[in-house]
PDB file of N, CA and C in Angstrom:
ATOM      1  N   MET A   1     132.731  40.107  18.317  1.00  0.00           N
ATOM      2  CA  MET A   1     131.542  39.516  19.069  1.00  0.00           C
ATOM      3  C   MET A   1     132.363  38.806  20.489  1.00  0.00           C
ATOM      4  N   LEU A   2     133.521  38.652  20.567  1.00  0.00           N
ATOM      5  CA  LEU A   2     134.084  38.127  21.692  1.00  0.00           C
ATOM      6  C   LEU A   2     134.017  38.997  22.837  1.00  0.00           C
ATOM      7  N   ASP A   3     133.963  40.320  22.066  1.00  0.00           N
ATOM      8  CA  ASP A   3     134.288  41.558  23.199  1.00  0.00           C
ATOM      9  C   ASP A   3     132.950  41.950  23.872  1.00  0.00           C
ATOM     10  N   VAL A   4     131.957  41.321  22.907  1.00  0.00           N
ATOM     11  CA  VAL A   4     130.255  42.297  23.013  1.00  0.00           C
ATOM     12  C   VAL A   4     130.238  40.744  24.521  1.00  0.00           C
ATOM     13  N   LEU A   5     130.292  39.483  24.279  1.00  0.00           N
ATOM     14  CA  LEU A   5     130.271  38.548  25.189  1.00  0.00           C
ATOM     15  C   LEU A   5     130.747  38.852  26.423  1.00  0.00           C
ATOM     16  N   THR A   6     132.536  38.895  26.701  1.00  0.00           N
ATOM     17  CA  THR A   6     132.826  39.618  27.546  1.00  0.00           C
ATOM     18  C   THR A   6     132.523  40.312  28.401  1.00  0.00           C
ATOM     19  N   GLU A   7     131.862  41.650  27.897  1.00  0.00           N
ATOM     20  CA  GLU A   7     130.927  42.735  28.270  1.00  0.00           C
ATOM     21  C   GLU A   7     129.838  42.409  28.960  1.00  0.00           C
ATOM     22  N   ILE A   8     129.169  41.364  28.448  1.00  0.00           N
ATOM     23  CA  ILE A   8     127.839  40.984  28.643  1.00  0.00           C
ATOM     24  C   ILE A   8     128.022  40.167  30.013  1.00  0.00           C
ATOM     25  N   LYS A   9     128.870  38.811  29.830  1.00  0.00           N
ATOM     26  CA  LYS A   9     129.674  38.106  31.068  1.00  0.00           C
ATOM     27  C   LYS A   9     130.099  39.519  32.237  1.00  0.00           C
ATOM     28  N   GLY A  10     130.880  40.431  31.921  1.00  0.00           N
ATOM     29  CA  GLY A  10     131.271  41.152  33.095  1.00  0.00           C
ATOM     30  C   GLY A  10     129.798  41.931  33.853  1.00  0.00           C
ATOM     31  N   ALA A  11     128.963  42.631  32.868  1.00  0.00           N
ATOM     32  CA  ALA A  11     127.541  42.744  33.406  1.00  0.00           C
ATOM     33  C   ALA A  11     126.815  42.015  34.200  1.00  0.00           C
ATOM     34  N   GLU A  12     127.136  40.591  33.627  1.00  0.00           N
ATOM     35  CA  GLU A  12     126.597  39.603  34.497  1.00  0.00           C
ATOM     36  C   GLU A  12     127.182  39.317  35.794  1.00  0.00           C
ATOM     37  N   ASP A  13     128.289  39.178  35.911  1.00  0.00           N
ATOM     38  CA  ASP A  13     129.076  39.009  36.803  1.00  0.00           C
ATOM     39  C   ASP A  13     128.867  40.022  38.152  1.00  0.00           C
ATOM     40  N   THR A  14     128.881  41.425  37.131  1.00  0.00           N
ATOM     41  CA  THR A  14     128.654  42.910  38.430  1.00  0.00           C
ATOM     42  C   THR A  14     127.336  42.728  39.137  1.00  0.00           C
ATOM     43  N   ALA A  15     126.113  42.082  37.964  1.00  0.00           N
ATOM     44  CA  ALA A  15     124.844  41.990  38.527  1.00  0.00           C
ATOM     45  C   ALA A  15     124.897  40.840  39.462  1.00  0.00           C
ATOM     46  N   ASP A  16     125.570  39.991  39.521  1.00  0.00           N
ATOM     47  CA  ASP A  16     125.727  38.801  40.538  1.00  0.00           C
ATOM     48  C   ASP A  16     126.100  39.526  41.621  1.00  0.00           C
ATOM     49  N   LYS A  17     127.018  39.903  41.467  1.00  0.00           N
ATOM     50  CA  LYS A  17     128.170  40.666  42.676  1.00  0.00           C
ATOM     51  C   LYS A  17     127.000  41.787  43.593  1.00  0.00           C
ATOM     52  N   ILE A  18     126.302  42.596  42.789  1.00  0.00           N
ATOM     53  CA  ILE A  18     125.766  43.325  43.431  1.00  0.00           C
ATOM     54  C   ILE A  18     124.470  42.878  44.107  1.00  0.00           C
ATOM     55  N   GLU A  19     123.874  41.728  43.343  1.00  0.00           N
ATOM     56  CA  GLU A  19     122.528  41.077  44.095  1.00  0.00           C
ATOM     57  C   GLU A  19     122.800  40.532  45.201  1.00  0.00           C
ATOM     58  N   ALA A  20     124.132  39.631  45.193  1.00  0.00           N
ATOM     59  CA  ALA A  20     124.674  39.136  46.899  1.00  0.00           C
ATOM     60  C   ALA A  20     125.373  40.057  47.637  1.00  0.00           C
ATOM     61  N   ASP A  21     125.708  41.391  47.086  1.00  0.00           N
ATOM     62  CA  ASP A  21     126.306  42.348  48.412  1.00  0.00           C
ATOM     63  C   ASP A  21     124.928  42.811  48.989  1.00  0.00           C
ATOM     64  N   ALA A  22     123.489  42.778  48.298  1.00  0.00           N
ATOM     65  CA  ALA A  22     121.929  43.115  48.316  1.00  0.00           C
ATOM     66  C   ALA A  22     121.599  42.624  49.640  1.00  0.00           C
ATOM     67  N   GLN A  23     121.690  40.909  49.119  1.00  0.00           N
ATOM     68  CA  GLN A  23     121.317  40.080  50.120  1.00  0.00           C
ATOM     69  C   GLN A  23     121.934  40.022  51.374  1.00  0.00           C
ATOM     70  N   LEU A  24     123.269  40.251  50.999  1.00  0.00           N
ATOM     71  CA  LEU A  24     124.140  40.211  52.339  1.00  0.00           C
ATOM     72  C   LEU A  24     123.715  41.549  53.187  1.00  0.00           C
ATOM     73  N   ASN A  25     123.718  42.794  52.619  1.00  0.00           N
ATOM     74  CA  ASN A  25     123.327  43.611  53.719  1.00  0.00           C
ATOM     75  C   ASN A  25     121.981  43.425  53.974  1.00  0.00           C
ATOM     76  N   ALA A  26     120.853  42.865  53.203  1.00  0.00           N
ATOM     77  CA  ALA A  26     119.602  42.502  53.802  1.00  0.00           C
ATOM     78  C   ALA A  26     119.677  41.496  54.930  1.00  0.00           C
ATOM     79  N   LYS A  27     120.268  41.137  55.108  1.00  0.00           N
ATOM     80  CA  LYS A  27     120.860  40.025  56.411  1.00  0.00           C
ATOM     81  C   LYS A  27     121.200  40.422  57.106  1.00  0.00           C
ATOM     82  N   LYS A  28     121.587  41.076  57.081  1.00  0.00           N
ATOM     83  CA  LYS A  28     122.424  42.519  57.947  1.00  0.00           C
ATOM     84  C   LYS A  28     121.862  43.236  58.657  1.00  0.00           C
ATOM     85  N   LEU A  29     120.947  43.750  57.855  1.00  0.00           N
ATOM     86  CA  LEU A  29     119.907  44.478  58.560  1.00  0.00           C
ATOM     87  C   LEU A  29     118.322  44.117  59.181  1.00  0.00           C
ATOM     88  N   ILE A  30     118.332  42.714  58.770  1.00  0.00           N
ATOM     89  CA  ILE A  30     117.265  41.822  59.528  1.00  0.00           C
ATOM     90  C   ILE A  30     118.252  41.425  60.584  1.00  0.00           C
ATOM     91  N   LYS A  31     119.246  40.703  60.739  1.00  0.00           N
ATOM     92  CA  LYS A  31     120.077  40.465  62.232  1.00  0.00           C
ATOM     93  C   LYS A  31     119.994  41.951  63.072  1.00  0.00           C
ATOM     94  N   SER A  32     119.985  42.863  62.353  1.00  0.00           N
ATOM     95  CA  SER A  32     120.706  44.413  63.571  1.00  0.00           C
ATOM     96  C   SER A  32     119.091  44.808  63.652  1.00  0.00           C
ATOM     97  N   THR A  33     118.132  44.113  62.977  1.00  0.00           N
ATOM     98  CA  THR A  33     116.721  44.961  63.457  1.00  0.00           C
ATOM     99  C   THR A  33     115.772  44.091  64.272  1.00  0.00           C
ATOM    100  N   GLU A  34     116.552  43.222  64.444  1.00  0.00           N
ATOM    101  CA  GLU A  34     115.742  41.887  64.943  1.00  0.00           C
ATOM    102  C   GLU A  34     116.568  42.126  66.584  1.00  0.00           C
ATOM    103  N   GLU A  35     117.908  42.414  66.665  1.00  0.00           N
ATOM    104  CA  GLU A  35     118.585  42.664  68.057  1.00  0.00           C
ATOM    105  C   GLU A  35     118.174  44.083  68.412  1.00  0.00           C
ATOM    106  N   LYS A  36     117.726  44.851  67.500  1.00  0.00           N
ATOM    107  CA  LYS A  36     117.273  45.874  68.109  1.00  0.00           C
ATOM    108  C   LYS A  36     115.315  45.758  68.709  1.00  0.00           C
ATOM    109  N   ALA A  37     115.200  45.100  68.286  1.00  0.00           N
ATOM    110  CA  ALA A  37     113.681  44.640  68.749  1.00  0.00           C
ATOM    111  C   ALA A  37     113.895  44.022  69.927  1.00  0.00           C
ATOM    112  N   ASP A  38     114.714  42.953  70.004  1.00  0.00           N
ATOM    113  CA  ASP A  38     115.022  42.222  71.026  1.00  0.00           C
ATOM    114  C   ASP A  38     114.978  43.104  72.407  1.00  0.00           C
ATOM    115  N   VAL A  39     116.317  44.503  72.167  1.00  0.00           N
ATOM    116  CA  VAL A  39     116.602  45.038  73.065  1.00  0.00           C
ATOM    117  C   VAL A  39     115.235  45.920  73.524  1.00  0.00           C
ATOM    118  N   GLU A  40     114.544  46.382  72.624  1.00  0.00           N
ATOM    119  CA  GLU A  40     113.346  47.253  72.797  1.00  0.00           C
ATOM    120  C   GLU A  40     112.358  46.284  73.728  1.00  0.00           C
ATOM    121  N   ILE A  41     112.217  44.903  73.134  1.00  0.00           N
ATOM    122  CA  ILE A  41     111.385  44.288  73.786  1.00  0.00           C
ATOM    123  C   ILE A  41     111.660  43.901  75.320  1.00  0.00           C
ATOM    124  N   GLN A  42     113.398  43.625  76.034  1.00  0.00           N
ATOM    125  CA  GLN A  42     113.506  44.062  77.113  1.00  0.00           C
ATOM    126  C   GLN A  42     113.441  44.695  77.670  1.00  0.00           C
ATOM    127  N   ASN A  43     113.541  45.954  77.376  1.00  0.00           N
ATOM    128  CA  ASN A  43     113.150  47.167  78.119  1.00  0.00           C
ATOM    129  C   ASN A  43     111.682  47.604  78.058  1.00  0.00           C
ATOM    130  N   ALA A  44     110.987  46.809  77.299  1.00  0.00           N
ATOM    131  CA  ALA A  44     109.698  47.290  77.641  1.00  0.00           C
ATOM    132  C   ALA A  44     109.186  45.920  78.864  1.00  0.00           C
ATOM    133  N   VAL A  45     109.840  45.199  78.951  1.00  0.00           N
ATOM    134  CA  VAL A  45     109.227  44.138  80.069  1.00  0.00           C
ATOM    135  C   VAL A  45     110.031  44.762  81.038  1.00  0.00           C
ATOM    136  N   LYS A  46     110.987  45.218  81.360  1.00  0.00           N
ATOM    137  CA  LYS A  46     111.767  45.699  82.508  1.00  0.00           C
ATOM    138  C   LYS A  46     110.531  47.174  83.028  1.00  0.00           C
ATOM    139  N   LYS A  47     110.541  47.869  82.028  1.00  0.00           N
ATOM    140  CA  LYS A  47     109.512  48.929  82.498  1.00  0.00           C
ATOM    141  C   LYS A  47     107.966  48.316  82.876  1.00  0.00           C
ATOM    142  N   ALA A  48     107.713  47.522  82.567  1.00  0.00           N
ATOM    143  CA  ALA A  48     106.179  46.672  83.100  1.00  0.00           C
ATOM    144  C   ALA A  48     106.450  46.341  84.037  1.00  0.00           C
ATOM    145  N   LYS A  49     107.424  45.932  84.344  1.00  0.00           N
ATOM    146  CA  LYS A  49     107.739  45.102  85.524  1.00  0.00           C
ATOM    147  C   LYS A  49     107.848  46.180  86.787  1.00  0.00           C
ATOM    148  N   THR A  50     108.535  47.217  86.323  1.00  0.00           N
ATOM    149  CA  THR A  50     108.886  47.965  87.630  1.00  0.00           C
ATOM    150  C   THR A  50     107.498  49.012  87.448  1.00  0.00           C
ATOM    151  N   ILE A  51     106.651  48.773  86.755  1.00  0.00           N
ATOM    152  CA  ILE A  51     105.505  49.793  86.598  1.00  0.00           C
ATOM    153  C   ILE A  51     104.770  48.284  88.004  1.00  0.00           C
ATOM    154  N   GLU A  52     104.198  47.203  87.261  1.00  0.00           N
ATOM    155  CA  GLU A  52     104.022  46.601  88.173  1.00  0.00           C
ATOM    156  C   GLU A  52     103.956  46.474  89.567  1.00  0.00           C
ATOM    157  N   GLU A  53     105.150  46.434  89.985  1.00  0.00           N
ATOM    158  CA  GLU A  53     105.928  46.557  91.232  1.00  0.00           C
ATOM    159  C   GLU A  53     105.545  47.938  91.930  1.00  0.00           C
ATOM    160  N   ASP A  54     105.170  48.928  91.265  1.00  0.00           N
ATOM    161  CA  ASP A  54     105.210  50.077  91.706  1.00  0.00           C
ATOM    162  C   ASP A  54     103.719  49.977  92.272  1.00  0.00           C
ATOM    163  N   ILE A  55     102.629  49.661  91.030  1.00  0.00           N
ATOM    164  CA  ILE A  55     101.170  49.570  91.574  1.00  0.00           C
ATOM    165  C   ILE A  55     101.365  48.857  92.635  1.00  0.00           C
ATOM    166  N   ILE A  56     101.681  47.495  92.750  1.00  0.00           N
ATOM    167  CA  ILE A  56     101.517  46.659  93.744  1.00  0.00           C
ATOM    168  C   ILE A  56     101.644  47.444  94.753  1.00  0.00           C
ATOM    169  N   LYS A  57     102.819  47.858  95.131  1.00  0.00           N
ATOM    170  CA  LYS A  57     103.682  48.558  96.666  1.00  0.00           C
ATOM    171  C   LYS A  57     102.309  49.378  97.043  1.00  0.00           C
ATOM    172  N   ARG A  58     101.945  50.359  96.105  1.00  0.00           N
ATOM    173  CA  ARG A  58     100.596  51.525  96.405  1.00  0.00           C
ATOM    174  C   ARG A  58      99.747  50.725  96.912  1.00  0.00           C
ATOM    175  N   LYS A  59      98.939  49.681  96.123  1.00  0.00           N
ATOM    176  CA  LYS A  59      98.070  48.923  96.542  1.00  0.00           C
ATOM    177  C   LYS A  59      98.171  48.297  98.042  1.00  0.00           C
ATOM    178  N   GLU A  60      99.111  47.771  98.325  1.00  0.00           N
ATOM    179  CA  GLU A  60      99.847  47.217  99.404  1.00  0.00           C
ATOM    180  C   GLU A  60      99.797  48.302 100.534  1.00  0.00           C
ATOM    181  N   ASP A  61     100.232  49.222 100.181  1.00  0.00           N
ATOM    182  CA  ASP A  61     100.333  50.509 101.062  1.00  0.00           C
ATOM    183  C   ASP A  61      98.827  51.143 101.372  1.00  0.00           C
ATOM    184  N   GLU A  62      97.844  51.164 100.403  1.00  0.00           N
ATOM    185  CA  GLU A  62      96.436  51.287 100.834  1.00  0.00           C
ATOM    186  C   GLU A  62      95.920  50.465 101.552  1.00  0.00           C
ATOM    187  N   GLY A  63      96.156  49.011 100.996  1.00  0.00           N
ATOM    188  CA  GLY A  63      95.858  48.224 101.742  1.00  0.00           C
ATOM    189  C   GLY A  63      95.954  48.367 103.492  1.00  0.00           C
ATOM    190  N   ARG A  64      97.358  48.270 103.616  1.00  0.00           N
ATOM    191  CA  ARG A  64      97.800  48.624 105.058  1.00  0.00           C
ATOM    192  C   ARG A  64      96.728  49.802 105.485  1.00  0.00           C
ATOM    193  N   ARG A  65      96.884  50.974 105.129  1.00  0.00           N
ATOM    194  CA  ARG A  65      96.548  51.900 106.152  1.00  0.00           C
ATOM    195  C   ARG A  65      94.725  51.881 105.775  1.00  0.00           C
ATOM    196  N   GLU A  66      94.189  51.184 105.092  1.00  0.00           N
ATOM    197  CA  GLU A  66      92.754  50.650 105.460  1.00  0.00           C
ATOM    198  C   GLU A  66      92.324  49.839 106.681  1.00  0.00           C
ATOM    199  N   ALA A  67      93.667  48.566 106.533  1.00  0.00           N
ATOM    200  CA  ALA A  67      93.105  47.683 107.586  1.00  0.00           C
ATOM    201  C   ALA A  67      93.672  48.549 108.980  1.00  0.00           C
ATOM    202  N   GLU A  68      94.418  49.822 109.070  1.00  0.00           N
ATOM    203  CA  GLU A  68      94.915  50.274 110.354  1.00  0.00           C
ATOM    204  C   GLU A  68      93.479  51.032 110.437  1.00  0.00           C
ATOM    205  N   ILE A  69      93.050  51.346 109.298  1.00  0.00           N
ATOM    206  CA  ILE A  69      91.806  52.579 110.019  1.00  0.00           C
ATOM    207  C   ILE A  69      90.539  51.285 111.053  1.00  0.00           C
ATOM    208  N   ILE A  70      90.519  50.275 109.938  1.00  0.00           N
ATOM    209  CA  ILE A  70      89.226  49.298 110.119  1.00  0.00           C
ATOM    210  C   ILE A  70      89.664  48.477 111.466  1.00  0.00           C
ATOM    211  N   LEU A  71      90.869  48.491 112.064  1.00  0.00           N
ATOM    212  CA  LEU A  71      91.468  47.992 113.394  1.00  0.00           C
ATOM    213  C   LEU A  71      91.176  48.612 114.307  1.00  0.00           C
ATOM    214  N   LYS A  72      91.525  50.181 114.021  1.00  0.00           N
ATOM    215  CA  LYS A  72      91.456  50.975 114.843  1.00  0.00           C
ATOM    216  C   LYS A  72      90.063  51.377 115.488  1.00  0.00           C
ATOM    217  N   SER A  73      89.026  51.037 114.120  1.00  0.00           N
ATOM    218  CA  SER A  73      87.467  51.470 114.599  1.00  0.00           C
ATOM    219  C   SER A  73      87.039  50.238 115.533  1.00  0.00           C
ATOM    220  N   ALA A  74      87.431  48.852 114.929  1.00  0.00           N
ATOM    221  CA  ALA A  74      87.291  47.850 115.856  1.00  0.00           C
ATOM    222  C   ALA A  74      87.550  47.900 117.326  1.00  0.00           C
ATOM    223  N   GLU A  75      88.822  48.161 117.359  1.00  0.00           N
ATOM    224  CA  GLU A  75      88.969  48.676 118.556  1.00  0.00           C
ATOM    225  C   GLU A  75      88.399  49.273 119.684  1.00  0.00           C
ATOM    226  N   GLU A  76      88.196  50.599 118.874  1.00  0.00           N
ATOM    227  CA  GLU A  76      87.293  51.861 119.250  1.00  0.00           C
ATOM    228  C   GLU A  76      86.196  51.110 119.851  1.00  0.00           C
ATOM    229  N   GLU A  77      85.204  50.374 118.558  1.00  0.00           N
ATOM    230  CA  GLU A  77      84.072  49.109 119.067  1.00  0.00           C
ATOM    231  C   GLU A  77      84.111  48.688 120.203  1.00  0.00           C
ATOM    232  N   CYS A  78      84.804  48.078 120.304  1.00  0.00           N
ATOM    233  CA  CYS A  78      85.434  46.824 121.299  1.00  0.00           C
ATOM    234  C   CYS A  78      85.282  47.439 122.657  1.00  0.00           C
ATOM    235  N   LYS A  79      85.841  48.782 122.659  1.00  0.00           N
ATOM    236  CA  LYS A  79      86.319  49.378 124.111  1.00  0.00           C
ATOM    237  C   LYS A  79      84.506  49.846 124.331  1.00  0.00           C
ATOM    238  N   LYS A  80      84.139  50.554 123.733  1.00  0.00           N
ATOM    239  CA  LYS A  80      82.837  51.129 123.733  1.00  0.00           C
ATOM    240  C   LYS A  80      81.830  49.731 124.375  1.00  0.00           C
ATOM    241  N   ILE A  81      82.104  48.795 123.835  1.00  0.00           N
ATOM    242  CA  ILE A  81      81.638  47.506 124.445  1.00  0.00           C
ATOM    243  C   ILE A  81      81.777  47.175 125.447  1.00  0.00           C
ATOM    244  N   LYS A  82      83.006  47.117 125.991  1.00  0.00           N
ATOM    245  CA  LYS A  82      83.419  46.655 127.237  1.00  0.00           C
ATOM    246  C   LYS A  82      82.814  47.601 128.160  1.00  0.00           C
ATOM    247  N   GLU A  83      83.153  49.028 127.649  1.00  0.00           N
ATOM    248  CA  GLU A  83      82.285  50.030 128.825  1.00  0.00           C
ATOM    249  C   GLU A  83      81.284  50.317 129.056  1.00  0.00           C
ATOM    250  N   ILE A  84      80.422  49.616 128.187  1.00  0.00           N
ATOM    251  CA  ILE A  84      78.973  48.954 128.345  1.00  0.00           C
ATOM    252  C   ILE A  84      79.032  48.223 128.958  1.00  0.00           C
ATOM    253  N   GLN A  85      79.636  46.813 129.099  1.00  0.00           N
ATOM    254  CA  GLN A  85      78.945  45.766 129.706  1.00  0.00           C
ATOM    255  C   GLN A  85      79.888  45.950 131.517  1.00  0.00           C
ATOM    256  N   ASP A  86      81.050  46.990 131.123  1.00  0.00           N
ATOM    257  CA  ASP A  86      81.250  47.371 132.884  1.00  0.00           C
ATOM    258  C   ASP A  86      79.985  47.755 133.647  1.00  0.00           C
ATOM    259  N   ASP A  87      79.627  49.190 133.038  1.00  0.00           N
ATOM    260  CA  ASP A  87      78.493  49.525 133.608  1.00  0.00           C
ATOM    261  C   ASP A  87      77.212  49.176 134.136  1.00  0.00           C
ATOM    262  N   LYS A  88      76.804  47.964 133.134  1.00  0.00           N
ATOM    263  CA  LYS A  88      76.003  46.907 133.300  1.00  0.00           C
ATOM    264  C   LYS A  88      76.252  46.018 134.487  1.00  0.00           C
ATOM    265  N   ILE A  89      77.365  45.572 134.646  1.00  0.00           N
ATOM    266  CA  ILE A  89      77.897  44.646 135.570  1.00  0.00           C
ATOM    267  C   ILE A  89      77.815  45.622 136.864  1.00  0.00           C
ATOM    268  N   GLU A  90      78.289  47.042 136.709  1.00  0.00           N
ATOM    269  CA  GLU A  90      78.786  47.722 137.975  1.00  0.00           C
ATOM    270  C   GLU A  90      76.784  47.481 138.850  1.00  0.00           C
ATOM    271  N   LYS A  91      75.978  48.284 137.340  1.00  0.00           N
ATOM    272  CA  LYS A  91      74.902  48.376 137.599  1.00  0.00           C
ATOM    273  C   LYS A  91      73.790  47.012 138.490  1.00  0.00           C
ATOM    274  N   ALA A  92      74.313  45.803 137.813  1.00  0.00           N
ATOM    275  CA  ALA A  92      73.829  44.628 138.210  1.00  0.00           C
ATOM    276  C   ALA A  92      74.145  44.316 139.637  1.00  0.00           C
ATOM    277  N   VAL A  93      75.210  44.699 140.039  1.00  0.00           N
ATOM    278  CA  VAL A  93      76.214  44.308 141.326  1.00  0.00           C
ATOM    279  C   VAL A  93      75.512  45.333 142.275  1.00  0.00           C
ATOM    280  N   SER A  94      75.089  46.371 141.960  1.00  0.00           N
ATOM    281  CA  SER A  94      74.506  47.363 142.744  1.00  0.00           C
ATOM    282  C   SER A  94      73.144  47.050 143.315  1.00  0.00           C
ATOM    283  N   LEU A  95      72.392  46.404 141.952  1.00  0.00           N
ATOM    284  CA  LEU A  95      70.730  45.940 142.202  1.00  0.00           C
ATOM    285  C   LEU A  95      71.169  44.602 143.098  1.00  0.00           C
ATOM    286  N   VAL A  96      71.981  43.962 142.800  1.00  0.00           N
ATOM    287  CA  VAL A  96      72.143  42.661 143.688  1.00  0.00           C
ATOM    288  C   VAL A  96      72.318  43.075 145.293  1.00  0.00           C
ATOM    289  N   ILE A  97      72.806  43.843 145.330  1.00  0.00           N
ATOM    290  CA  ILE A  97      73.669  44.114 146.424  1.00  0.00           C
ATOM    291  C   ILE A  97      72.652  45.261 147.227  1.00  0.00           C
ATOM    292  N   GLU A  98      71.671  46.154 146.722  1.00  0.00           N
ATOM    293  CA  GLU A  98      70.540  46.762 147.058  1.00  0.00           C
ATOM    294  C   GLU A  98      69.653  45.577 147.395  1.00  0.00           C
ATOM    295  N   ARG A  99      69.183  44.425 146.568  1.00  0.00           N
ATOM    296  CA  ARG A  99      68.356  43.343 147.261  1.00  0.00           C
ATOM    297  C   ARG A  99      68.753  42.769 148.411  1.00  0.00           C
ATOM    298  N   ILE A 100      70.478  42.599 148.293  1.00  0.00           N
ATOM    299  CA  ILE A 100      70.278  41.371 149.372  1.00  0.00           C
ATOM    300  C   ILE A 100      70.166  42.576 150.800  1.00  0.00           C
ATOM    301  N   VAL A 101      70.761  43.812 150.458  1.00  0.00           N
ATOM    302  CA  VAL A 101      70.397  44.952 151.926  1.00  0.00           C
ATOM    303  C   VAL A 101      69.051  44.997 152.513  1.00  0.00           C
ATOM    304  N   ASN A 102      68.251  45.268 151.304  1.00  0.00           N
ATOM    305  CA  ASN A 102      67.028  45.632 151.602  1.00  0.00           C
ATOM    306  C   ASN A 102      66.460  44.510 151.734  1.00  0.00           C
ATOM    307  N   GLY A 103      66.255  42.933 151.446  1.00  0.00           N
ATOM    308  CA  GLY A 103      65.723  42.049 151.594  1.00  0.00           C
ATOM    309  C   GLY A 103      66.062  41.475 153.124  1.00  0.00           C
ATOM    310  N   TYR A 104      67.335  41.679 153.427  1.00  0.00           N
ATOM    311  CA  TYR A 104      67.476  41.580 155.031  1.00  0.00           C
ATOM    312  C   TYR A 104      67.322  42.338 155.866  1.00  0.00           C
ATOM    313  N   GLY A 105      67.017  43.312 155.585  1.00  0.00           N
ATOM    314  CA  GLY A 105      66.569  44.695 156.497  1.00  0.00           C
ATOM    315  C   GLY A 105      65.484  44.633 156.601  1.00  0.00           C
ATOM    316  N   ASN A 106      64.372  43.895 155.514  1.00  0.00           N
ATOM    317  CA  ASN A 106      62.892  43.832 155.575  1.00  0.00           C
ATOM    318  C   ASN A 106      62.652  42.550 156.698  1.00  0.00           C
ATOM    319  N   SER A 107      63.535  41.712 157.015  1.00  0.00           N
ATOM    320  CA  SER A 107      63.251  40.462 157.191  1.00  0.00           C
ATOM    321  C   SER A 107      62.729  40.213 158.948  1.00  0.00           C
TER     322      SER A 107
END
């Protein structure tokens, strides 16, 4: 009877050891998985930041190009307006001179 009890005790001890080892392995696996997940999250964040920076740079470049086009167009419009004004000023001066000359000539 003692042999049977010894065997049962041995089996229980073995089962306890297997359970303890399984729990230890599970904890190690969980820790390893969490560490890998942290690394993956960090990599994903870095990749997202890189993508974000690329998008921002492209949009800034597009904005600069559009601004240059708008500025160039505005400069051309200003030049045209100035030319129109210069032409009108010349016509006004010619008209005033003509009236002065004709006005004094008719007196």
